[in-house]
C-alpha atoms as a PDB file:
ATOM      1  CA  MET A   1      -6.692  72.474 -16.266  1.00  0.00           C
ATOM      2  CA  SER A   2      -6.185  76.057 -15.223  1.00  0.00           C
ATOM      3  CA  LEU A   3      -9.293  76.009 -13.753  1.00  0.00           C
ATOM      4  CA  ASN A   4      -8.072  72.944 -11.399  1.00  0.00           C
ATOM      5  CA  VAL A   5      -4.758  74.789 -10.640  1.00  0.00           C
ATOM      6  CA  LEU A   6      -6.473  77.636  -9.675  1.00  0.00           C
ATOM      7  CA  LYS A   7      -8.458  75.802  -7.045  1.00  0.00           C
ATOM      8  CA  ASP A   8      -5.489  74.549  -5.680  1.00  0.00           C
ATOM      9  CA  ILE A   9      -3.454  77.426  -5.297  1.00  0.00           C
ATOM     10  CA  ARG A  10      -6.601  78.922  -3.283  1.00  0.00           C
ATOM     11  CA  LYS A  11      -6.272  75.950  -1.111  1.00  0.00           C
ATOM     12  CA  ILE A  12      -2.581  76.124  -0.681  1.00  0.00           C
ATOM     13  CA  TYR A  13      -2.778  79.705   0.290  1.00  0.00           C
ATOM     14  CA  ALA A  14      -5.449  78.838   2.643  1.00  0.00           C
ATOM     15  CA  GLY A  15      -3.376  76.240   4.244  1.00  0.00           C
ATOM     16  CA  LEU A  16      -0.639  78.661   5.178  1.00  0.00           C
ATOM     17  CA  ASN A  17      -2.623  79.993   8.050  1.00  0.00           C
ATOM     18  CA  ALA A  18      -1.261  78.235  11.109  1.00  0.00           C
ATOM     19  CA  HIS A  19      -3.788  78.975  13.157  1.00  0.00           C
ATOM     20  CA  GLU A  20      -6.456  77.036  10.943  1.00  0.00           C
ATOM     21  CA  VAL A  21      -4.069  74.129  10.960  1.00  0.00           C
ATOM     22  CA  ARG A  22      -3.858  74.369  14.845  1.00  0.00           C
ATOM     23  CA  GLU A  23      -7.591  74.266  14.868  1.00  0.00           C
ATOM     24  CA  ALA A  24      -8.251  71.270  12.578  1.00  0.00           C
ATOM     25  CA  ALA A  25      -5.597  69.406  14.516  1.00  0.00           C
ATOM     26  CA  ALA A  26      -6.952  70.467  18.135  1.00  0.00           C
ATOM     27  CA  GLN A  27     -10.906  69.303  17.409  1.00  0.00           C
ATOM     28  CA  GLU A  28     -12.493  66.910  19.349  1.00  0.00           C
ATOM     29  CA  LEU A  29     -13.337  63.438  17.929  1.00  0.00           C
ATOM     30  CA  THR A  30     -15.906  60.831  18.810  1.00  0.00           C
ATOM     31  CA  ILE A  31     -14.889  57.414  18.294  1.00  0.00           C
ATOM     32  CA  GLY A  32     -17.529  54.743  19.186  1.00  0.00           C
ATOM     33  CA  LEU A  33     -16.326  50.993  20.325  1.00  0.00           C
ATOM     34  CA  LEU A  34     -18.783  48.306  19.704  1.00  0.00           C
ATOM     35  CA  ALA A  35     -18.144  44.725  21.071  1.00  0.00           C
ATOM     36  CA  ASN A  36     -19.665  41.921  22.783  1.00  0.00           C
ATOM     37  CA  SER A  37     -17.085  41.498  25.788  1.00  0.00           C
ATOM     38  CA  GLU A  38     -15.007  43.246  28.091  1.00  0.00           C
ATOM     39  CA  ASN A  39     -11.858  41.569  26.503  1.00  0.00           C
ATOM     40  CA  VAL A  40     -12.638  43.261  23.055  1.00  0.00           C
ATOM     41  CA  TYR A  41     -13.392  46.595  24.461  1.00  0.00           C
ATOM     42  CA  ARG A  42      -9.945  46.539  26.155  1.00  0.00           C
ATOM     43  CA  ASP A  43      -8.378  45.592  22.925  1.00  0.00           C
ATOM     44  CA  MET A  44     -10.062  48.032  21.035  1.00  0.00           C
ATOM     45  CA  GLU A  45      -8.903  50.810  23.611  1.00  0.00           C
ATOM     46  CA  GLU A  46      -5.167  49.495  23.749  1.00  0.00           C
ATOM     47  CA  PHE A  47      -5.091  49.873  19.844  1.00  0.00           C
ATOM     48  CA  LEU A  48      -6.086  53.303  19.850  1.00  0.00           C
ATOM     49  CA  VAL A  49      -4.486  54.283  23.254  1.00  0.00           C
ATOM     50  CA  PRO A  50      -1.604  51.577  23.916  1.00  0.00           C
ATOM     51  CA  PRO A  51      -0.473  51.843  27.476  1.00  0.00           C
ATOM     52  CA  GLN A  52       3.041  52.760  26.976  1.00  0.00           C
ATOM     53  CA  LEU A  53       1.730  56.075  25.974  1.00  0.00           C
ATOM     54  CA  ASN A  54       2.360  59.244  28.585  1.00  0.00           C
ATOM     55  CA  SER A  55      -0.302  59.865  30.916  1.00  0.00           C
ATOM     56  CA  ALA A  56      -1.349  63.242  29.339  1.00  0.00           C
ATOM     57  CA  VAL A  57      -1.593  61.587  25.953  1.00  0.00           C
ATOM     58  CA  ARG A  58      -3.377  59.048  27.137  1.00  0.00           C
ATOM     59  CA  GLU A  59      -5.798  61.130  29.102  1.00  0.00           C
ATOM     60  CA  ARG A  60      -6.418  63.222  26.141  1.00  0.00           C
ATOM     61  CA  ALA A  61      -7.285  60.472  23.763  1.00  0.00           C
ATOM     62  CA  LEU A  62      -9.460  58.291  26.122  1.00  0.00           C
ATOM     63  CA  ARG A  63     -11.658  61.345  26.495  1.00  0.00           C
ATOM     64  CA  MET A  64     -12.681  61.000  22.894  1.00  0.00           C
ATOM     65  CA  VAL A  65     -13.156  57.106  22.903  1.00  0.00           C
ATOM     66  CA  TYR A  66     -16.634  55.884  24.158  1.00  0.00           C
ATOM     67  CA  ARG A  67     -17.824  52.166  24.980  1.00  0.00           C
ATOM     68  CA  LEU A  68     -21.379  52.232  23.281  1.00  0.00           C
ATOM     69  CA  ASP A  69     -24.388  49.304  23.009  1.00  0.00           C
ATOM     70  CA  GLN A  70     -25.526  50.212  19.691  1.00  0.00           C
ATOM     71  CA  PRO A  71     -24.180  52.454  16.659  1.00  0.00           C
ATOM     72  CA  GLN A  72     -24.205  56.222  16.649  1.00  0.00           C
ATOM     73  CA  LYS A  73     -24.442  57.849  13.353  1.00  0.00           C
ATOM     74  CA  ASP A  74     -22.912  61.027  14.779  1.00  0.00           C
ATOM     75  CA  PHE A  75     -19.648  59.623  15.820  1.00  0.00           C
ATOM     76  CA  ASP A  76     -16.760  60.133  13.692  1.00  0.00           C
ATOM     77  CA  ILE A  77     -15.459  56.442  13.657  1.00  0.00           C
ATOM     78  CA  LEU A  78     -16.963  53.146  15.223  1.00  0.00           C
ATOM     79  CA  LEU A  79     -14.842  50.136  15.822  1.00  0.00           C
ATOM     80  CA  CYS A  80     -16.852  47.174  15.308  1.00  0.00           C
ATOM     81  CA  GLU A  81     -16.287  43.401  16.602  1.00  0.00           C
ATOM     82  CA  PRO A  82     -17.161  40.797  13.676  1.00  0.00           C
ATOM     83  CA  GLY A  83     -20.927  39.931  14.550  1.00  0.00           C
ATOM     84  CA  VAL A  84     -22.011  43.419  15.805  1.00  0.00           C
ATOM     85  CA  GLY A  85     -23.029  44.509  12.447  1.00  0.00           C
ATOM     86  CA  LEU A  86     -20.882  47.319  10.460  1.00  0.00           C
ATOM     87  CA  PRO A  87     -22.922  50.812  10.024  1.00  0.00           C
ATOM     88  CA  ARG A  88     -21.682  53.271   7.145  1.00  0.00           C
ATOM     89  CA  ASN A  89     -19.061  54.941   9.788  1.00  0.00           C
ATOM     90  CA  GLY A  90     -17.964  51.587  11.082  1.00  0.00           C
ATOM     91  CA  PHE A  91     -14.743  49.853  10.645  1.00  0.00           C
ATOM     92  CA  LEU A  92     -14.097  46.038  11.237  1.00  0.00           C
ATOM     93  CA  PHE A  93     -11.785  45.226  14.274  1.00  0.00           C
ATOM     94  CA  ASP A  94     -10.731  41.980  14.355  1.00  0.00           C
ATOM     95  CA  PRO A  95      -7.770  41.015  16.588  1.00  0.00           C
ATOM     96  CA  VAL A  96      -7.545  37.451  16.119  1.00  0.00           C
ATOM     97  CA  GLY A  97      -8.382  37.459  12.098  1.00  0.00           C
ATOM     98  CA  GLY A  98      -5.283  36.462  10.843  1.00  0.00           C
ATOM     99  CA  ASP A  99      -1.869  38.235  11.891  1.00  0.00           C
ATOM    100  CA  PRO A 100      -2.696  40.883  14.246  1.00  0.00           C
ATOM    101  CA  GLY A 101       0.085  43.068  13.253  1.00  0.00           C
ATOM    102  CA  GLY A 102      -1.074  42.924   9.588  1.00  0.00           C
ATOM    103  CA  SER A 103      -4.711  43.465  10.658  1.00  0.00           C
ATOM    104  CA  ASP A 104      -3.449  46.487  12.456  1.00  0.00           C
ATOM    105  CA  VAL A 105      -1.744  47.907   9.313  1.00  0.00           C
ATOM    106  CA  ALA A 106      -4.844  47.262   7.346  1.00  0.00           C
ATOM    107  CA  LEU A 107      -7.279  48.938   9.966  1.00  0.00           C
ATOM    108  CA  VAL A 108      -5.144  51.983  10.306  1.00  0.00           C
ATOM    109  CA  ASP A 109      -5.020  52.696   6.565  1.00  0.00           C
ATOM    110  CA  SER A 110      -8.637  52.031   5.943  1.00  0.00           C
ATOM    111  CA  ILE A 111      -9.513  54.453   8.681  1.00  0.00           C
ATOM    112  CA  VAL A 112      -6.946  57.032   7.701  1.00  0.00           C
ATOM    113  CA  SER A 113      -7.827  56.405   3.968  1.00  0.00           C
ATOM    114  CA  GLU A 114     -11.463  57.347   4.469  1.00  0.00           C
ATOM    115  CA  ASN A 115     -11.535  60.317   6.999  1.00  0.00           C
ATOM    116  CA  GLN A 116      -9.094  62.885   5.238  1.00  0.00           C
ATOM    117  CA  PRO A 117     -11.155  65.935   6.948  1.00  0.00           C
ATOM    118  CA  ILE A 118     -10.263  65.018  10.203  1.00  0.00           C
ATOM    119  CA  GLU A 119      -6.873  63.156   9.660  1.00  0.00           C
ATOM    120  CA  LEU A 120      -4.968  66.006  11.609  1.00  0.00           C
ATOM    121  CA  ALA A 121      -6.876  65.534  14.723  1.00  0.00           C
ATOM    122  CA  LEU A 122      -6.899  61.667  14.229  1.00  0.00           C
ATOM    123  CA  ALA A 123      -3.098  61.646  14.216  1.00  0.00           C
ATOM    124  CA  ARG A 124      -2.261  63.997  16.979  1.00  0.00           C
ATOM    125  CA  THR A 125      -4.632  62.501  19.590  1.00  0.00           C
ATOM    126  CA  PHE A 126      -3.964  58.755  18.448  1.00  0.00           C
ATOM    127  CA  PRO A 127      -0.419  58.112  17.827  1.00  0.00           C
ATOM    128  CA  VAL A 128      -1.181  54.869  16.275  1.00  0.00           C
ATOM    129  CA  PHE A 129      -2.419  56.687  12.973  1.00  0.00           C
ATOM    130  CA  ARG A 130       0.531  59.220  12.582  1.00  0.00           C
ATOM    131  CA  GLU A 131       2.946  57.215  10.251  1.00  0.00           C
ATOM    132  CA  ALA A 132      -0.022  56.502   8.101  1.00  0.00           C
ATOM    133  CA  VAL A 133      -1.425  60.266   7.906  1.00  0.00           C
ATOM    134  CA  ALA A 134       2.098  61.604   7.403  1.00  0.00           C
ATOM    135  CA  ARG A 135       2.738  59.046   4.333  1.00  0.00           C
ATOM    136  CA  ARG A 136      -0.523  60.083   2.880  1.00  0.00           C
ATOM    137  CA  LEU A 137      -0.050  63.986   3.465  1.00  0.00           C
ATOM    138  CA  VAL A 138       3.486  63.683   1.818  1.00  0.00           C
ATOM    139  CA  THR A 139       2.374  61.445  -1.105  1.00  0.00           C
ATOM    140  CA  ARG A 140      -0.733  63.878  -1.656  1.00  0.00           C
ATOM    141  CA  ILE A 141       1.198  67.269  -1.571  1.00  0.00           C
ATOM    142  CA  ALA A 142       3.975  65.849  -3.824  1.00  0.00           C
ATOM    143  CA  ARG A 143       1.410  65.052  -6.326  1.00  0.00           C
ATOM    144  CA  GLU A 144      -0.179  68.478  -5.992  1.00  0.00           C
ATOM    145  CA  ASN A 145       3.023  70.006  -6.677  1.00  0.00           C
ATOM    146  CA  ALA A 146       3.818  67.719  -9.714  1.00  0.00           C
ATOM    147  CA  MET A 147       0.274  68.724 -11.048  1.00  0.00           C
ATOM    148  CA  LEU A 148       1.354  72.598 -10.435  1.00  0.00           C
ATOM    149  CA  ALA A 149       4.528  72.221 -12.207  1.00  0.00           C
ATOM    150  CA  LEU A 150       2.397  70.693 -15.324  1.00  0.00           C
ATOM    151  CA  VAL A 151       1.198  74.098 -15.891  1.00  0.00           C
ATOM    152  CA  THR A 152       3.964  76.162 -17.812  1.00  0.00           C
ATOM    153  CA  ALA A 153       1.924  79.464 -18.106  1.00  0.00           C
ATOM    154  CA  LEU A 154       1.262  79.961 -14.168  1.00  0.00           C
ATOM    155  CA  PRO A 155       2.415  83.591 -14.058  1.00  0.00           C
ATOM    156  CA  ASN A 156      -0.341  84.316 -16.581  1.00  0.00           C
ATOM    157  CA  VAL A 157      -3.107  82.737 -14.469  1.00  0.00           C
ATOM    158  CA  VAL A 158      -2.178  83.945 -11.241  1.00  0.00           C
ATOM    159  CA  PRO A 159      -2.491  87.815 -11.110  1.00  0.00           C
ATOM    160  CA  ASN A 160      -6.178  87.801 -11.289  1.00  0.00           C
ATOM    161  CA  PHE A 161      -6.221  86.874  -7.576  1.00  0.00           C
ATOM    162  CA  ILE A 162      -4.442  89.892  -6.013  1.00  0.00           C
ATOM    163  CA  GLU A 163      -5.029  88.484  -2.560  1.00  0.00           C
ATOM    164  CA  LEU A 164      -2.007  86.246  -3.181  1.00  0.00           C
ATOM    165  CA  PRO A 165       0.921  88.435  -1.786  1.00  0.00           C
ATOM    166  CA  TRP A 166       3.477  86.057  -4.116  1.00  0.00           C
ATOM    167  CA  ALA A 167       1.336  87.095  -7.253  1.00  0.00           C
ATOM    168  CA  VAL A 168       3.981  90.124  -7.678  1.00  0.00           C
ATOM    169  CA  GLY A 169       6.558  90.349 -10.488  1.00  0.00           C
ATOM    170  CA  GLU A 170       8.888  87.628 -11.173  1.00  0.00           C
ATOM    171  CA  PHE A 171       8.116  85.887  -7.845  1.00  0.00           C
ATOM    172  CA  ALA A 172       4.920  84.393  -9.287  1.00  0.00           C
ATOM    173  CA  THR A 173       6.595  81.411 -10.519  1.00  0.00           C
ATOM    174  CA  ASP A 174       5.810  77.838 -10.163  1.00  0.00           C
ATOM    175  CA  THR A 175       8.865  77.644  -7.745  1.00  0.00           C
ATOM    176  CA  ALA A 176       7.180  80.133  -5.081  1.00  0.00           C
ATOM    177  CA  PHE A 177       3.974  78.015  -5.218  1.00  0.00           C
ATOM    178  CA  LEU A 178       5.736  74.452  -4.938  1.00  0.00           C
ATOM    179  CA  THR A 179       7.357  76.207  -1.978  1.00  0.00           C
ATOM    180  CA  MET A 180       4.347  77.449  -0.501  1.00  0.00           C
ATOM    181  CA  ASN A 181       2.740  73.923  -0.789  1.00  0.00           C
ATOM    182  CA  GLN A 182       5.952  72.625   1.028  1.00  0.00           C
ATOM    183  CA  ILE A 183       5.578  75.277   3.737  1.00  0.00           C
ATOM    184  CA  ARG A 184       1.796  74.069   4.087  1.00  0.00           C
ATOM    185  CA  MET A 185       2.868  70.543   4.465  1.00  0.00           C
ATOM    186  CA  ALA A 186       5.607  71.618   7.308  1.00  0.00           C
ATOM    187  CA  LEU A 187       2.584  73.136   9.153  1.00  0.00           C
ATOM    188  CA  MET A 188       0.575  69.994   8.873  1.00  0.00           C
ATOM    189  CA  MET A 189       3.423  67.647   9.622  1.00  0.00           C
ATOM    190  CA  ALA A 190       4.173  69.480  12.897  1.00  0.00           C
ATOM    191  CA  ALA A 191       0.335  68.986  14.022  1.00  0.00           C
ATOM    192  CA  VAL A 192       0.263  64.985  12.903  1.00  0.00           C
ATOM    193  CA  TYR A 193       3.183  64.439  15.389  1.00  0.00           C
ATOM    194  CA  ASP A 194       2.047  66.759  18.098  1.00  0.00           C
ATOM    195  CA  HIS A 195       4.647  69.537  17.820  1.00  0.00           C
ATOM    196  CA  PRO A 196       4.325  73.223  17.899  1.00  0.00           C
ATOM    197  CA  ILE A 197       2.530  74.410  14.954  1.00  0.00           C
ATOM    198  CA  GLY A 198       3.543  77.988  13.392  1.00  0.00           C
ATOM    199  CA  TYR A 199       6.079  79.944  11.562  1.00  0.00           C
ATOM    200  CA  SER A 200       8.002  81.095  14.647  1.00  0.00           C
ATOM    201  CA  GLU A 201       7.787  77.815  16.212  1.00  0.00           C
ATOM    202  CA  GLN A 202       8.859  76.079  12.860  1.00  0.00           C
ATOM    203  CA  LYS A 203      11.345  78.514  11.851  1.00  0.00           C
ATOM    204  CA  ALA A 204      14.153  76.168  11.244  1.00  0.00           C
ATOM    205  CA  SER A 205      12.290  73.787   8.897  1.00  0.00           C
ATOM    206  CA  ILE A 206      10.347  76.379   7.138  1.00  0.00           C
ATOM    207  CA  ALA A 207      13.856  78.169   6.557  1.00  0.00           C
ATOM    208  CA  ALA A 208      15.311  74.996   5.423  1.00  0.00           C
ATOM    209  CA  ILE A 209      12.306  74.877   2.704  1.00  0.00           C
ATOM    210  CA  ALA A 210      12.655  78.375   1.690  1.00  0.00           C
ATOM    211  CA  ALA A 211      16.496  78.250   1.249  1.00  0.00           C
ATOM    212  CA  GLY A 212      16.262  74.997  -0.497  1.00  0.00           C
ATOM    213  CA  ALA A 213      13.564  76.194  -3.061  1.00  0.00           C
ATOM    214  CA  PHE A 214      16.169  76.603  -5.819  1.00  0.00           C
ATOM    215  CA  GLY A 215      18.677  74.813  -4.547  1.00  0.00           C
ATOM    216  CA  TRP A 216      17.000  71.240  -4.744  1.00  0.00           C
ATOM    217  CA  ARG A 217      16.413  71.713  -8.521  1.00  0.00           C
ATOM    218  CA  ALA A 218      20.342  71.916  -9.061  1.00  0.00           C
ATOM    219  CA  VAL A 219      20.699  68.221  -7.271  1.00  0.00           C
ATOM    220  CA  ALA A 220      17.718  66.775  -9.057  1.00  0.00           C
ATOM    221  CA  ARG A 221      19.231  68.094 -12.542  1.00  0.00           C
ATOM    222  CA  GLU A 222      22.213  66.118 -11.822  1.00  0.00           C
ATOM    223  CA  LEU A 223      19.919  63.099 -11.087  1.00  0.00           C
ATOM    224  CA  VAL A 224      17.987  63.662 -14.296  1.00  0.00           C
ATOM    225  CA  GLY A 225      21.033  63.593 -16.285  1.00  0.00           C
ATOM    226  CA  LYS A 226      21.187  59.707 -15.474  1.00  0.00           C
ATOM    227  CA  ILE A 227      17.642  58.672 -14.943  1.00  0.00           C
ATOM    228  CA  PRO A 228      15.644  59.045 -18.369  1.00  0.00           C
ATOM    229  CA  LEU A 229      12.638  60.963 -17.883  1.00  0.00           C
ATOM    230  CA  GLY A 230      11.633  61.736 -21.364  1.00  0.00           C
ATOM    231  CA  GLY A 231      10.816  65.000 -22.839  1.00  0.00           C
ATOM    232  CA  GLY A 232       8.312  68.177 -22.579  1.00  0.00           C
ATOM    233  CA  LEU A 233       6.870  68.322 -19.093  1.00  0.00           C
ATOM    234  CA  ILE A 234       7.750  65.094 -17.470  1.00  0.00           C
ATOM    235  CA  PRO A 235      11.135  66.306 -16.100  1.00  0.00           C
ATOM    236  CA  LYS A 236       9.714  69.311 -14.426  1.00  0.00           C
ATOM    237  CA  ALA A 237       6.858  67.392 -12.854  1.00  0.00           C
ATOM    238  CA  ALA A 238       8.986  64.882 -11.760  1.00  0.00           C
ATOM    239  CA  ILE A 239      11.613  66.983 -10.122  1.00  0.00           C
ATOM    240  CA  ALA A 240       8.594  69.002  -8.221  1.00  0.00           C
ATOM    241  CA  TYR A 241       7.092  65.804  -7.177  1.00  0.00           C
ATOM    242  CA  ALA A 242      10.738  64.346  -5.979  1.00  0.00           C
ATOM    243  CA  GLY A 243      11.562  68.007  -4.163  1.00  0.00           C
ATOM    244  CA  THR A 244       8.382  67.944  -2.003  1.00  0.00           C
ATOM    245  CA  TRP A 245       8.506  63.992  -1.239  1.00  0.00           C
ATOM    246  CA  VAL A 246      12.283  64.477   0.193  1.00  0.00           C
ATOM    247  CA  VAL A 247      11.160  67.380   2.194  1.00  0.00           C
ATOM    248  CA  GLY A 248       8.177  65.579   3.474  1.00  0.00           C
ATOM    249  CA  THR A 249       9.776  62.418   4.468  1.00  0.00           C
ATOM    250  CA  GLY A 250      12.596  64.362   6.000  1.00  0.00           C
ATOM    251  CA  LEU A 251      10.230  66.394   8.186  1.00  0.00           C
ATOM    252  CA  ASP A 252       8.467  62.890   9.081  1.00  0.00           C
ATOM    253  CA  ARG A 253      11.754  61.577  10.078  1.00  0.00           C
ATOM    254  CA  LEU A 254      12.663  64.620  11.873  1.00  0.00           C
ATOM    255  CA  TYR A 255       9.578  64.664  13.917  1.00  0.00           C
ATOM    256  CA  ARG A 256       9.260  60.753  14.611  1.00  0.00           C
ATOM    257  CA  THR A 257      13.046  60.450  15.457  1.00  0.00           C
ATOM    258  CA  GLY A 258      14.539  63.894  16.225  1.00  0.00           C
ATOM    259  CA  MET A 259      16.980  62.843  13.519  1.00  0.00           C
ATOM    260  CA  ASN A 260      17.652  64.359  10.007  1.00  0.00           C
ATOM    261  CA  PHE A 261      18.660  62.668   6.783  1.00  0.00           C
ATOM    262  CA  SER A 262      22.416  62.022   6.212  1.00  0.00           C
ATOM    263  CA  ARG A 263      23.697  63.315   3.104  1.00  0.00           C
ATOM    264  CA  ARG A 264      23.925  59.838   1.850  1.00  0.00           C
ATOM    265  CA  GLU A 265      20.625  59.307   2.613  1.00  0.00           C
ATOM    266  CA  ARG A 266      19.247  62.374   1.141  1.00  0.00           C
ATOM    267  CA  ARG A 267      20.557  61.340  -2.149  1.00  0.00           C
ATOM    268  CA  ALA A 268      19.377  57.919  -2.215  1.00  0.00           C
ATOM    269  CA  ALA A 269      15.693  59.402  -1.041  1.00  0.00           C
ATOM    270  CA  TRP A 270      16.156  61.800  -3.976  1.00  0.00           C
ATOM    271  CA  THR A 271      17.125  58.892  -6.328  1.00  0.00           C
ATOM    272  CA  HIS A 272      14.019  56.957  -5.627  1.00  0.00           C
ATOM    273  CA  ALA A 273      11.935  59.803  -5.495  1.00  0.00           C
ATOM    274  CA  ILE A 274      12.901  61.091  -9.026  1.00  0.00           C
ATOM    275  CA  SER A 275      12.067  57.539 -10.214  1.00  0.00           C
ATOM    276  CA  GLN A 276       8.619  57.660  -8.524  1.00  0.00           C
ATOM    277  CA  GLY A 277       8.110  61.095  -9.857  1.00  0.00           C
ATOM    278  CA  LYS A 278       8.469  60.328 -13.313  1.00  0.00           C
ATOM    279  CA  GLU A 279       5.614  57.571 -12.943  1.00  0.00           C
ATOM    280  CA  VAL A 280       3.316  60.121 -11.406  1.00  0.00           C
ATOM    281  CA  ALA A 281       4.204  62.914 -13.960  1.00  0.00           C
ATOM    282  CA  SER A 282       3.246  60.453 -16.760  1.00  0.00           C
ATOM    283  CA  GLU A 283       0.268  59.405 -14.963  1.00  0.00           C
ATOM    284  CA  LEU A 284      -0.993  63.245 -14.259  1.00  0.00           C
ATOM    285  CA  ARG A 285       0.124  64.467 -17.786  1.00  0.00           C
ATOM    286  CA  PRO A 286      -3.203  65.827 -19.563  1.00  0.00           C
END
């Protein structure tokens, strides 16, 4: 397990480079459309770039969408009408197949789940993917933090990697790495919602994460007393998951609506996340 955690730590530290997050979000995509009629082409374009988007967002997104008459292997994603064939990088677009709303949700989830390397650019460019990408980011990073919390001898592992500025003295703790991962998540969430990315640009949310790095444990301890979690490492990992999940869902709401959780909503989120974290910790425990 130690080797896997070391890889996670390297990934976390690399993800703290705001410039790299900006570049990942700004990369140009190629989205191809394969259809048999003008109406279906138009439906595909409106799925990706709804007419209610502002003109600047629409213009940027439409530059990356191409109507094709045959599959292109070098395109990132192809939307294909039923009957035209489904290549390796293709996804079935069927606006009349069952409930349109349900079909759209399934299509969005399918595209996002199979395109993690371009998820930031996908969400930033095409708002239809933002909530799905944000949800996957929060869940994935919360699980990473649960796994990190399962390693009890983290300070004995880290000092070999002297390039990590956090691997110094008593601050080389699991709390430091959990917080680093949450800050990485904050950078990525800003990218998802096309907000300014960087430490100065996000100083309020990053300061809140840093300030809460120890405070959220006190809240979690109170909840742990009310929710049976079992012994050993399970409570530690469940709390790490829950703390990260609550931070992530709070950032998601802030960027989507401009509003923070109320005190009551935050506590409700904690209760839900602790219970969910117990299940994840039990699954991940070696």
